[in-house]
Amino acid sequence: MAHEIHLDPWADLYATRMSNMKGSAIRAMMGSAEIPGMIALAGGLPNTKPIGLDDVVRATRETMKAEGGTALQYGSSEGHKGLKRHIIKLMAEEGVTVDYDDFILTQGSQQALDLVARTFIDVGNRIIVEAPSYVGALQATSGYQPDYLQIRMDDDGMVVDELAVALKKLGPRSAKFIYVVPNFHNPAGVTLPLERRKRLIELAREYELLIFEDNPYGRLRYEGEDIPSLRSMDENVMYTSTFSKIFSPGMRIGWIIAPHPILDKIVIGKQASDLCSSNFAQMVLEHYFDRNLWQKNIEQLRDVYRSRRDAMIAALEEFFPEGTSWTKPAGGFFLWATLPEYLDSSEMLAEAIENKVSYVPGNAFYADGSGAHHMRLAFCYEDEEKITEAIKRLGKVIKGQMALAKSLLIKE
């Protein structure tokens, strides 16, 4: 059925910011997962199978028995203390000491991104982001119409020396904040090494800049040693994480740590947004975590994701043509594939969908829309057999596109 075009009689009423806001390329791809035979390498959907449903039911019953009607009532804007107790322990394992009033709970880390953007960004303000950067962060900030300064990434994350060159020209307080995903980057899959982290902290102090650290994947390491978080190096770093990757995205619970004056502003923004996060969800999660089941879940998840990552890399080595390359993530959900510069992964997507495989084109992860010859491939959702088949299909599509491009060049 052809897509209907609807004229919008309210077009002149919308705020100017709406013209800068774009729908998520990842969410747009979710519908393709419903196509029979489709193998989805687009969305970063966590594997929820290790979660024992009986254990969740038990935690829910325990919540209602212990909390009664309180679980069904409004809660604090800052979050339920019982769950905060567990987050304090989680952060201590990362070398970060926080107390109850040093952070608040949010509707996943996505709300934290929006609240920070709302707190800091006026039209035309500069913010510093990685290139590529997490598409959700670009969505959360774009409506506030910032000026993005993109800093290139390589196999070791943000090229901090290039940031240093830019800041030397711009001077102190030349940006509202630096947004960075240091562990198993989304979409690039790379990790910022310790020396670059130290240098980033030094630059932030020298140029009086805030760092906003987004760490949803930090506990999903499949090899190597953990690296200290930026927050553990400097208490002025804003930090957000989520239970979506280590437990359930359906709970929609994350948290944000920030210096107290900033956190006070963020709380005001949250009250204007949703008053409070779900008291019921927070209490159920508290009772689930009381039994320490999540630790066993994490171990199972690491084993599953490691195996799927290895299957994807092996398939890439076998089926992707010469002239392509990809990152080799030590954790997380994604790897970043690079095609010859003359190819456009957006233009290639329709053919890939016809071959029943989906991915996210690279230009979705750049504030300026560049990155067309890249693609993000998720290994978290499909099993090893399907991943291998998907990469085989995708490799065939890429080879065909390369052959077509070469034939056109010869004709010219």
Protein backbone atom coordinates (compact mmCIF):
# COMPACT_ATOMS: atom_id res chain seq x y z
CA MET A 1 0.00 0.00 0.00
CA ALA A 2 1.39 3.42 -0.96
CA HIS A 3 2.30 5.76 1.86
CA GLU A 4 -0.29 8.51 2.20
CA ILE A 5 0.85 12.13 2.21
CA HIS A 6 -0.98 14.35 4.71
CA LEU A 7 -0.85 18.13 4.53
CA ASP A 8 -0.23 19.59 7.98
CA PRO A 9 -2.63 22.45 8.80
CA TRP A 10 -0.67 23.19 12.00
CA ALA A 11 2.76 23.55 10.37
CA ASP A 12 2.97 27.26 11.18
CA LEU A 13 2.29 26.63 14.88
CA TYR A 14 5.25 24.37 15.69
CA ALA A 15 8.27 25.62 17.60
CA THR A 16 11.33 26.36 15.49
CA ARG A 17 13.21 23.60 17.31
CA MET A 18 11.00 20.96 15.68
CA SER A 19 12.65 21.62 12.33
CA ASN A 20 15.95 20.50 13.86
CA MET A 21 14.60 17.34 15.47
CA LYS A 22 14.70 14.10 13.54
CA GLY A 23 13.19 10.73 14.25
CA SER A 24 15.56 7.99 15.35
CA ALA A 25 17.03 6.09 12.42
CA ILE A 26 17.23 3.10 14.74
CA ARG A 27 13.57 3.31 15.79
CA ALA A 28 12.60 3.67 12.14
CA MET A 29 14.37 0.40 11.43
CA MET A 30 12.50 -1.48 14.17
CA GLY A 31 9.53 -2.07 11.89
CA SER A 32 11.73 -3.96 9.46
CA ALA A 33 12.35 -6.58 12.15
CA GLU A 34 8.72 -7.68 11.70
CA ILE A 35 9.32 -8.65 8.06
CA PRO A 36 9.32 -12.48 7.80
CA GLY A 37 12.85 -13.78 7.44
CA MET A 38 14.47 -10.47 8.37
CA ILE A 39 17.71 -10.68 10.36
CA ALA A 40 18.00 -7.54 12.45
CA LEU A 41 21.46 -6.05 12.89
CA ALA A 42 20.03 -2.56 13.38
CA GLY A 43 18.64 -2.21 16.88
CA GLY A 44 20.64 -2.59 20.07
CA LEU A 45 18.03 -4.78 21.72
CA PRO A 46 19.33 -6.40 24.93
CA ASN A 47 18.92 -10.13 25.47
CA THR A 48 16.36 -10.49 28.26
CA LYS A 49 16.25 -14.32 28.24
CA PRO A 50 18.60 -14.79 31.24
CA ILE A 51 16.10 -12.90 33.39
CA GLY A 52 14.04 -15.51 35.22
CA LEU A 53 10.42 -14.47 34.80
CA ASP A 54 9.49 -16.30 38.01
CA ASP A 55 12.08 -14.18 39.82
CA VAL A 56 10.53 -10.99 38.45
CA VAL A 57 7.07 -12.17 39.52
CA ARG A 58 8.45 -12.96 42.96
CA ALA A 59 10.06 -9.51 43.23
CA THR A 60 6.75 -7.94 42.21
CA ARG A 61 4.87 -9.87 44.89
CA GLU A 62 7.50 -8.97 47.48
CA THR A 63 7.14 -5.33 46.49
CA MET A 64 3.38 -5.31 46.97
CA LYS A 65 3.66 -7.20 50.25
CA ALA A 66 6.38 -4.94 51.67
CA GLU A 67 5.37 -1.59 50.18
CA GLY A 68 1.62 -1.92 49.71
CA GLY A 69 -0.11 1.07 48.19
CA THR A 70 3.08 3.14 48.44
CA ALA A 71 4.36 1.31 45.36
CA LEU A 72 1.34 2.58 43.43
CA GLN A 73 1.75 6.18 44.56
CA TYR A 74 3.83 9.10 43.31
CA GLY A 75 7.43 8.93 44.48
CA SER A 76 10.27 11.33 45.03
CA SER A 77 11.58 13.23 41.99
CA GLU A 78 15.07 12.22 43.08
CA GLY A 79 14.22 8.50 43.15
CA HIS A 80 13.43 5.70 45.61
CA LYS A 81 16.10 5.32 48.31
CA GLY A 82 15.85 1.53 48.37
CA LEU A 83 17.00 1.30 44.76
CA LYS A 84 19.51 4.10 45.22
CA ARG A 85 21.20 1.88 47.83
CA HIS A 86 22.00 -0.66 45.11
CA ILE A 87 23.26 2.01 42.71
CA ILE A 88 25.62 3.30 45.37
CA LYS A 89 27.08 -0.23 45.57
CA LEU A 90 27.32 -0.50 41.76
CA MET A 91 29.15 2.81 41.53
CA ALA A 92 31.52 1.82 44.36
CA GLU A 93 32.57 -1.16 42.25
CA GLU A 94 33.61 1.38 39.58
CA GLY A 95 35.64 3.34 42.11
CA VAL A 96 33.02 6.10 42.35
CA THR A 97 31.87 7.12 45.83
CA VAL A 98 28.40 8.68 45.90
CA ASP A 99 25.77 9.26 48.56
CA TYR A 100 21.99 9.29 48.17
CA ASP A 101 21.77 12.99 47.35
CA ASP A 102 24.57 12.92 44.75
CA PHE A 103 22.38 11.49 41.98
CA ILE A 104 18.80 11.05 40.82
CA LEU A 105 16.93 8.29 39.02
CA THR A 106 15.63 8.90 35.50
CA GLN A 107 13.50 7.26 32.83
CA GLY A 108 16.46 5.39 31.39
CA SER A 109 19.63 7.26 30.52
CA GLN A 110 17.82 8.83 27.54
CA GLN A 111 15.96 11.13 29.90
CA ALA A 112 19.26 12.04 31.52
CA LEU A 113 20.55 13.13 28.11
CA ASP A 114 17.50 15.31 27.57
CA LEU A 115 17.67 16.82 31.06
CA VAL A 116 21.32 17.79 30.65
CA ALA A 117 20.55 19.31 27.24
CA ARG A 118 17.61 21.23 28.72
CA THR A 119 19.72 22.45 31.62
CA PHE A 120 22.64 23.77 29.58
CA ILE A 121 21.89 24.45 25.92
CA ASP A 122 20.57 27.69 24.48
CA VAL A 123 20.28 28.19 20.72
CA GLY A 124 23.73 28.39 19.15
CA ASN A 125 25.67 27.16 22.19
CA ARG A 126 28.57 24.88 21.40
CA ILE A 127 28.73 21.31 22.66
CA ILE A 128 31.54 18.89 21.89
CA VAL A 129 30.69 15.39 20.66
CA GLU A 130 32.50 12.42 19.21
CA ALA A 131 32.30 11.73 15.48
CA PRO A 132 30.50 9.37 15.24
CA SER A 133 28.32 9.95 18.29
CA TYR A 134 25.40 8.12 19.89
CA VAL A 135 22.32 8.94 17.84
CA GLY A 136 20.15 9.20 20.98
CA ALA A 137 22.40 11.96 22.31
CA LEU A 138 22.18 13.81 19.00
CA GLN A 139 18.39 13.49 19.16
CA ALA A 140 18.25 14.69 22.77
CA THR A 141 20.36 17.76 22.06
CA SER A 142 19.32 18.72 18.52
CA GLY A 143 15.99 20.23 19.57
CA TYR A 144 17.86 22.81 21.65
CA GLN A 145 19.72 23.88 18.49
CA PRO A 146 23.35 23.71 19.59
CA ASP A 147 26.45 24.22 17.50
CA TYR A 148 28.20 20.84 17.41
CA LEU A 149 31.96 20.57 17.47
CA GLN A 150 32.70 17.04 16.27
CA ILE A 151 35.97 15.40 17.29
CA ARG A 152 37.15 12.50 15.16
CA MET A 153 37.41 8.99 16.57
CA ASP A 154 39.87 6.23 15.76
CA ASP A 155 40.26 2.68 17.08
CA ASP A 156 41.03 4.14 20.53
CA GLY A 157 38.02 6.43 20.76
CA MET A 158 38.01 10.21 20.65
CA VAL A 159 41.28 11.60 19.29
CA VAL A 160 41.93 13.78 22.32
CA ASP A 161 44.97 15.48 20.73
CA GLU A 162 42.66 16.91 18.07
CA LEU A 163 40.36 18.16 20.81
CA ALA A 164 43.37 19.87 22.39
CA VAL A 165 44.14 21.67 19.12
CA ALA A 166 40.53 22.85 18.82
CA LEU A 167 40.37 24.07 22.41
CA LYS A 168 43.63 25.98 22.06
CA LYS A 169 41.95 28.05 19.34
CA LEU A 170 38.62 28.41 21.14
CA GLY A 171 39.81 29.12 24.69
CA PRO A 172 38.23 28.51 28.13
CA ARG A 173 34.50 27.87 28.59
CA SER A 174 34.07 27.68 24.83
CA ALA A 175 31.55 24.84 25.05
CA LYS A 176 28.77 23.88 27.44
CA PHE A 177 30.07 20.32 27.84
CA ILE A 178 31.95 17.43 26.22
CA TYR A 179 29.75 14.37 25.64
CA VAL A 180 31.61 11.07 25.52
CA VAL A 181 30.84 7.32 25.61
CA PRO A 182 34.19 5.93 26.77
CA ASN A 183 33.37 2.22 27.08
CA PHE A 184 32.42 0.06 24.06
CA HIS A 185 31.17 3.06 22.19
CA ASN A 186 27.80 3.23 20.50
CA PRO A 187 28.11 3.08 17.50
CA ALA A 188 31.87 2.62 17.08
CA GLY A 189 32.43 -0.22 19.57
CA VAL A 190 35.80 1.22 20.63
CA THR A 191 37.05 2.04 24.14
CA LEU A 192 38.92 5.13 25.29
CA PRO A 193 42.24 4.04 26.83
CA LEU A 194 43.43 5.26 30.21
CA GLU A 195 45.99 7.76 28.91
CA ARG A 196 43.40 9.46 26.72
CA ARG A 197 40.99 9.58 29.64
CA LYS A 198 43.61 11.30 31.78
CA ARG A 199 44.34 13.78 28.99
CA LEU A 200 40.63 14.49 28.53
CA ILE A 201 40.30 15.27 32.24
CA GLU A 202 43.34 17.56 32.02
CA LEU A 203 41.86 19.44 29.07
CA ALA A 204 38.51 19.83 30.80
CA ARG A 205 40.21 21.33 33.83
CA GLU A 206 42.51 23.55 31.78
CA TYR A 207 39.68 24.96 29.66
CA GLU A 208 37.03 24.96 32.42
CA LEU A 209 34.74 22.54 30.64
CA LEU A 210 32.28 19.96 31.92
CA ILE A 211 32.46 16.34 30.80
CA PHE A 212 29.27 14.31 30.40
CA GLU A 213 30.14 10.61 30.59
CA ASP A 214 27.58 8.12 29.25
CA ASN A 215 28.35 4.57 30.38
CA PRO A 216 25.53 2.12 29.57
CA TYR A 217 27.79 -0.77 28.49
CA GLY A 218 30.60 -0.62 31.05
CA ARG A 219 29.70 -3.92 32.74
CA LEU A 220 29.52 -5.79 29.45
CA ARG A 221 33.24 -6.37 28.97
CA TYR A 222 34.18 -9.63 27.22
CA GLU A 223 37.96 -9.39 27.39
CA GLY A 224 40.71 -7.27 28.91
CA GLU A 225 40.79 -5.24 32.11
CA ASP A 226 38.33 -2.58 33.24
CA ILE A 227 39.48 1.02 32.84
CA PRO A 228 38.62 3.64 35.49
CA SER A 229 35.64 5.82 34.63
CA LEU A 230 36.08 9.52 34.01
CA ARG A 231 33.86 10.20 37.01
CA SER A 232 36.23 8.24 39.25
CA MET A 233 39.01 10.61 38.14
CA ASP A 234 37.11 13.85 38.67
CA GLU A 235 34.00 14.48 40.78
CA ASN A 236 32.96 17.33 38.49
CA VAL A 237 32.22 14.87 35.67
CA MET A 238 28.53 14.32 35.01
CA TYR A 239 27.81 10.61 34.68
CA THR A 240 24.82 8.62 33.46
CA SER A 241 24.10 4.91 33.22
CA THR A 242 21.09 2.61 33.04
CA PHE A 243 19.63 -0.73 34.06
CA SER A 244 18.53 -1.30 30.46
CA LYS A 245 21.66 -3.21 29.46
CA ILE A 246 22.31 -5.14 32.68
CA PHE A 247 18.69 -6.00 33.50
CA SER A 248 15.70 -4.82 31.47
CA PRO A 249 15.07 -1.88 29.12
CA GLY A 250 11.37 -2.27 29.81
CA MET A 251 11.84 -1.00 33.37
CA ARG A 252 13.04 2.38 32.00
CA ILE A 253 15.32 3.18 34.93
CA GLY A 254 18.62 5.00 34.72
CA TRP A 255 20.50 7.49 36.86
CA ILE A 256 22.58 10.62 36.59
CA ILE A 257 25.34 11.82 38.92
CA ALA A 258 26.37 15.47 38.85
CA PRO A 259 27.79 18.21 41.06
CA HIS A 260 25.08 19.40 43.45
CA PRO A 261 24.38 22.82 41.87
CA ILE A 262 23.90 21.14 38.49
CA LEU A 263 21.84 18.31 39.97
CA ASP A 264 19.48 20.85 41.58
CA LYS A 265 18.75 22.30 38.13
CA ILE A 266 18.31 18.83 36.62
CA VAL A 267 15.75 17.92 39.31
CA ILE A 268 13.73 21.01 38.41
CA GLY A 269 13.78 19.90 34.79
CA LYS A 270 12.68 16.40 35.74
CA GLN A 271 9.79 17.71 37.81
CA ALA A 272 8.63 19.70 34.78
CA SER A 273 9.00 16.64 32.57
CA ASP A 274 7.42 13.76 34.49
CA LEU A 275 7.29 14.67 38.23
CA CYS A 276 8.98 11.36 39.10
CA SER A 277 10.00 8.03 37.64
CA SER A 278 7.78 5.01 38.28
CA ASN A 279 7.75 4.23 41.99
CA PHE A 280 6.46 0.75 41.23
CA ALA A 281 9.25 -0.12 38.76
CA GLN A 282 11.92 1.20 41.13
CA MET A 283 10.63 -0.88 44.02
CA VAL A 284 10.32 -4.06 41.96
CA LEU A 285 13.89 -3.59 40.77
CA GLU A 286 15.03 -2.97 44.35
CA HIS A 287 13.54 -6.28 45.53
CA TYR A 288 14.98 -8.11 42.54
CA PHE A 289 18.45 -6.73 43.26
CA ASP A 290 18.08 -7.58 46.96
CA ARG A 291 18.55 -11.24 45.98
CA ASN A 292 21.71 -10.53 43.90
CA LEU A 293 20.27 -12.36 40.88
CA TRP A 294 21.54 -9.69 38.52
CA GLN A 295 25.17 -10.82 38.95
CA LYS A 296 24.38 -14.28 37.56
CA ASN A 297 22.43 -12.61 34.75
CA ILE A 298 25.41 -10.46 33.83
CA GLU A 299 27.72 -13.47 33.57
CA GLN A 300 25.26 -15.21 31.25
CA LEU A 301 24.85 -12.08 29.16
CA ARG A 302 28.61 -11.68 28.77
CA ASP A 303 28.93 -15.26 27.54
CA VAL A 304 26.08 -14.83 25.04
CA TYR A 305 27.25 -11.48 23.69
CA ARG A 306 30.89 -12.59 23.47
CA SER A 307 29.90 -15.58 21.37
CA ARG A 308 27.75 -13.43 19.08
CA ARG A 309 30.49 -10.83 18.69
CA ASP A 310 32.97 -13.56 17.75
CA ALA A 311 30.50 -14.98 15.22
CA MET A 312 30.06 -11.58 13.59
CA ILE A 313 33.79 -10.90 13.34
CA ALA A 314 34.43 -14.36 11.88
CA ALA A 315 31.67 -13.82 9.33
CA LEU A 316 33.03 -10.38 8.40
CA GLU A 317 36.45 -11.88 7.80
CA GLU A 318 34.91 -14.53 5.55
CA PHE A 319 32.25 -12.62 3.61
CA PHE A 320 33.08 -8.91 3.49
CA PRO A 321 35.15 -7.87 0.46
CA GLU A 322 38.62 -6.40 0.35
CA GLY A 323 38.49 -2.67 0.94
CA THR A 324 36.19 -2.91 3.95
CA SER A 325 37.20 -2.83 7.61
CA TRP A 326 35.59 -2.95 11.04
CA THR A 327 36.29 -2.35 14.71
CA LYS A 328 36.81 -5.23 17.14
CA PRO A 329 34.94 -4.30 20.32
CA ALA A 330 36.04 -5.68 23.68
CA GLY A 331 32.49 -5.35 24.97
CA GLY A 332 29.11 -3.76 24.37
CA PHE A 333 26.64 -4.37 21.55
CA PHE A 334 28.07 -2.93 18.33
CA LEU A 335 30.85 -2.82 15.83
CA TRP A 336 31.46 -0.16 13.21
CA ALA A 337 32.05 -1.18 9.61
CA THR A 338 33.78 1.04 7.09
CA LEU A 339 33.15 0.71 3.35
CA PRO A 340 35.04 2.27 0.43
CA GLU A 341 34.39 6.02 0.42
CA TYR A 342 32.53 5.86 -2.89
CA LEU A 343 29.74 3.77 -1.33
CA ASP A 344 26.76 5.16 0.57
CA SER A 345 25.30 2.84 3.20
CA SER A 346 22.00 4.76 3.16
CA GLU A 347 21.53 4.17 -0.56
CA MET A 348 22.49 0.52 -0.06
CA LEU A 349 19.95 -0.06 2.71
CA ALA A 350 16.94 -0.75 0.46
CA GLU A 351 18.79 -3.57 -1.28
CA ALA A 352 19.90 -4.96 2.07
CA ILE A 353 16.29 -4.94 3.29
CA GLU A 354 15.26 -6.78 0.13
CA ASN A 355 17.85 -9.39 1.09
CA LYS A 356 16.29 -9.57 4.57
CA VAL A 357 19.06 -7.96 6.60
CA SER A 358 18.99 -4.58 8.38
CA TYR A 359 21.64 -2.23 9.79
CA VAL A 360 21.89 1.47 10.65
CA PRO A 361 23.59 3.72 8.07
CA GLY A 362 26.57 5.65 9.37
CA ASN A 363 25.27 9.15 8.65
CA ALA A 364 22.71 8.79 11.46
CA PHE A 365 25.59 9.11 13.95
CA TYR A 366 27.08 12.39 12.71
CA ALA A 367 25.71 15.79 13.63
CA ASP A 368 26.51 17.05 10.13
CA GLY A 369 25.12 14.01 8.30
CA SER A 370 28.51 12.78 7.10
CA GLY A 371 29.77 9.23 7.57
CA ALA A 372 27.84 7.78 4.63
CA HIS A 373 30.39 5.03 3.98
CA HIS A 374 30.02 3.56 7.48
CA MET A 375 27.40 1.30 9.07
CA ARG A 376 26.59 0.16 12.58
CA LEU A 377 26.13 -3.58 13.05
CA ALA A 378 24.54 -4.90 16.27
CA PHE A 379 25.51 -8.38 17.44
CA CYS A 380 23.41 -8.37 20.64
CA TYR A 381 20.03 -9.57 19.38
CA GLU A 382 20.32 -12.36 16.80
CA ASP A 383 21.95 -15.73 17.44
CA GLU A 384 25.25 -16.84 15.90
CA GLU A 385 23.72 -18.70 12.96
CA LYS A 386 21.57 -15.75 11.93
CA ILE A 387 24.43 -13.30 12.39
CA THR A 388 26.61 -15.37 10.06
CA GLU A 389 23.85 -15.55 7.46
CA ALA A 390 23.16 -11.81 7.74
CA ILE A 391 26.79 -10.89 7.19
CA LYS A 392 26.92 -13.27 4.22
CA ARG A 393 23.91 -11.54 2.65
CA LEU A 394 25.28 -8.09 3.45
CA GLY A 395 28.67 -8.98 2.01
CA LYS A 396 26.98 -9.97 -1.24
CA VAL A 397 25.14 -6.64 -1.38
CA ILE A 398 28.36 -4.70 -0.78
CA LYS A 399 30.23 -6.65 -3.46
CA GLY A 400 27.44 -5.90 -5.90
CA GLN A 401 27.53 -2.20 -5.07
CA MET A 402 31.30 -2.11 -5.47
CA ALA A 403 31.08 -3.83 -8.86
CA LEU A 404 28.36 -1.41 -10.00
CA ALA A 405 30.38 1.61 -8.91
CA LYS A 406 33.45 0.35 -10.73
CA SER A 407 31.50 -0.32 -13.92
CA LEU A 408 30.11 3.21 -13.87
CA LEU A 409 33.61 4.62 -13.41
CA ILE A 410 34.83 2.62 -16.41
CA LYS A 411 31.99 3.93 -18.58
CA GLU A 412 32.84 7.47 -17.61
